């Protein structure tokens, strides 16, 4: 199924793969890609003035309910990499991020992925409509059209 292209905002961060991030084969351990995703998500939020503490101060939490990831190329210890994250616009009461992790030394796409977060109240009740503060925040963004 082909997904319709939606507008998005994006940012990227750079990393240098540390020894603590690799496995016995000296490649990035697969679980660390989720940490890279989170680092990129936090950078995107910070650059657009809405972080997790801001959301929590409004009485909401945004747990991840789905993660997808394809591993395409191994990144090794000491390599330089970049993570590109896109916040994809949606009318649904969820937050969708898409990711690319690039091995800059090899100039290869190492991984791509997606996370979906939902809005819940502080007592963990699912919210089925987009909170007003989030809609207002989205209105102020400089979206990129596909």
Protein backbone atom coordinates (compact mmCIF):
# COMPACT_ATOMS: atom_id res chain seq x y z
CA UNK A 1 0.00 0.00 0.00
CA UNK A 2 1.39 3.40 -0.99
CA UNK A 3 1.05 5.99 1.72
CA UNK A 4 0.05 9.48 0.65
CA UNK A 5 2.80 12.05 0.98
CA UNK A 6 2.18 14.49 3.81
CA UNK A 7 3.85 17.68 4.84
CA UNK A 8 6.57 17.48 7.46
CA UNK A 9 9.26 19.28 9.39
CA UNK A 10 12.71 17.82 9.81
CA UNK A 11 16.04 18.21 11.48
CA UNK A 12 19.24 16.22 11.66
CA UNK A 13 21.88 15.51 14.23
CA UNK A 14 25.38 14.11 13.95
CA UNK A 15 26.95 11.40 16.06
CA UNK A 16 30.30 9.70 16.38
CA UNK A 17 29.78 6.04 17.24
CA UNK A 18 31.18 5.36 20.69
CA UNK A 19 32.63 2.10 21.99
CA UNK A 20 29.69 1.67 24.38
CA UNK A 21 27.28 1.62 21.41
CA UNK A 22 28.78 -1.34 19.55
CA UNK A 23 28.57 -5.11 19.98
CA UNK A 24 31.30 -7.76 19.84
CA UNK A 25 31.47 -7.36 16.03
CA UNK A 26 32.22 -3.63 16.52
CA UNK A 27 28.98 -2.62 14.81
CA UNK A 28 26.25 -0.51 16.38
CA UNK A 29 24.06 -2.80 18.47
CA UNK A 30 20.56 -2.78 16.98
CA UNK A 31 18.91 -1.46 20.15
CA UNK A 32 21.00 1.71 20.05
CA UNK A 33 19.20 2.85 16.92
CA UNK A 34 16.16 3.52 19.12
CA UNK A 35 18.36 5.80 21.25
CA UNK A 36 19.49 7.58 18.08
CA UNK A 37 15.83 8.01 17.11
CA UNK A 38 15.07 9.50 20.52
CA UNK A 39 18.04 11.87 20.38
CA UNK A 40 16.88 13.12 16.98
CA UNK A 41 13.26 13.45 18.18
CA UNK A 42 14.37 15.53 21.15
CA UNK A 43 16.52 17.74 18.90
CA UNK A 44 13.59 18.33 16.53
CA UNK A 45 11.32 19.20 19.47
CA UNK A 46 13.88 21.54 21.02
CA UNK A 47 14.45 23.35 17.73
CA UNK A 48 10.71 23.84 17.40
CA UNK A 49 10.00 24.87 21.00
CA UNK A 50 7.98 21.93 22.29
CA UNK A 51 9.65 19.25 24.39
CA UNK A 52 8.32 16.41 26.52
CA UNK A 53 8.30 18.54 29.67
CA UNK A 54 6.16 21.14 27.86
CA UNK A 55 3.67 18.44 26.91
CA UNK A 56 3.65 17.02 30.45
CA UNK A 57 3.08 20.48 31.94
CA UNK A 58 -0.17 20.56 29.97
CA UNK A 59 -1.29 17.28 31.55
CA UNK A 60 -0.39 14.90 28.73
CA UNK A 61 2.09 12.11 28.11
CA UNK A 62 3.03 10.79 24.66
CA UNK A 63 4.11 7.14 24.92
CA UNK A 64 5.41 5.30 21.89
CA UNK A 65 2.90 2.67 20.80
CA UNK A 66 4.59 1.49 17.60
CA UNK A 67 8.15 1.27 16.34
CA UNK A 68 9.29 0.14 12.90
CA UNK A 69 12.89 -0.23 11.80
CA UNK A 70 14.83 -1.65 8.86
CA UNK A 71 18.56 -2.26 9.27
CA UNK A 72 20.32 -1.81 5.95
CA UNK A 73 24.03 -1.23 6.55
CA UNK A 74 26.22 -1.73 9.64
CA UNK A 75 27.80 1.33 11.22
CA UNK A 76 31.05 0.58 13.02
CA UNK A 77 32.88 1.92 16.05
CA UNK A 78 34.35 5.38 15.43
CA UNK A 79 32.20 6.08 12.37
CA UNK A 80 30.49 9.38 11.78
CA UNK A 81 26.76 9.22 11.26
CA UNK A 82 23.78 11.49 10.94
CA UNK A 83 20.19 10.95 11.93
CA UNK A 84 17.45 12.71 10.02
CA UNK A 85 14.07 12.89 11.72
CA UNK A 86 10.81 14.07 10.20
CA UNK A 87 7.64 14.90 12.08
CA UNK A 88 4.90 13.95 9.64
CA UNK A 89 1.72 15.99 9.79
CA UNK A 90 -1.44 14.04 10.52
CA UNK A 91 -4.98 14.95 11.56
CA UNK A 92 -5.09 11.96 13.89
CA UNK A 93 -4.39 12.28 17.62
CA UNK A 94 -0.91 10.87 17.28
CA UNK A 95 2.65 11.95 16.64
CA UNK A 96 4.42 10.26 13.74
CA UNK A 97 8.18 10.49 13.26
CA UNK A 98 10.18 8.96 10.41
CA UNK A 99 13.94 8.46 10.60
CA UNK A 100 16.98 7.84 8.45
CA UNK A 101 20.35 6.92 9.94
CA UNK A 102 23.25 7.49 7.56
CA UNK A 103 26.81 6.15 7.80
CA UNK A 104 28.65 9.24 6.59
CA UNK A 105 31.98 7.46 6.23
CA UNK A 106 30.50 4.87 3.83
CA UNK A 107 27.85 7.27 2.44
CA UNK A 108 25.19 4.59 2.97
CA UNK A 109 21.75 4.51 4.53
CA UNK A 110 22.20 2.38 7.63
CA UNK A 111 18.66 2.25 8.96
CA UNK A 112 15.25 3.76 8.46
CA UNK A 113 12.37 3.71 10.84
CA UNK A 114 9.19 5.15 12.20
CA UNK A 115 7.64 5.72 15.60
CA UNK A 116 4.07 6.50 16.54
CA UNK A 117 3.14 8.17 19.79
CA UNK A 118 -0.32 8.82 21.20
CA UNK A 119 -1.65 11.32 23.68
CA UNK A 120 -2.70 10.08 27.10
CA UNK A 121 -3.67 11.93 30.25
CA UNK A 122 -1.41 11.84 33.28
CA UNK A 123 -3.51 8.94 34.60
CA UNK A 124 -2.97 7.03 31.33
CA UNK A 125 -6.33 7.55 29.62
CA UNK A 126 -6.08 7.63 25.84
CA UNK A 127 -7.03 10.92 24.16
CA UNK A 128 -8.86 10.49 20.86
CA UNK A 129 -8.68 14.10 19.67
CA UNK A 130 -5.63 16.26 19.12
CA UNK A 131 -5.11 18.52 22.15
CA UNK A 132 -5.66 22.22 21.42
CA UNK A 133 -2.15 23.23 22.48
CA UNK A 134 -0.65 20.75 19.98
CA UNK A 135 -2.85 22.00 17.13
CA UNK A 136 -1.80 25.56 17.93
CA UNK A 137 1.86 24.55 18.02
CA UNK A 138 1.54 22.84 14.63
CA UNK A 139 -0.02 25.97 13.11
CA UNK A 140 3.18 27.88 13.86
CA UNK A 141 5.52 25.43 12.13
CA UNK A 142 7.23 25.94 8.77
CA UNK A 143 6.04 22.75 7.07
CA UNK A 144 7.76 21.28 4.04
CA UNK A 145 5.34 20.14 1.36
CA UNK A 146 6.04 16.81 -0.38
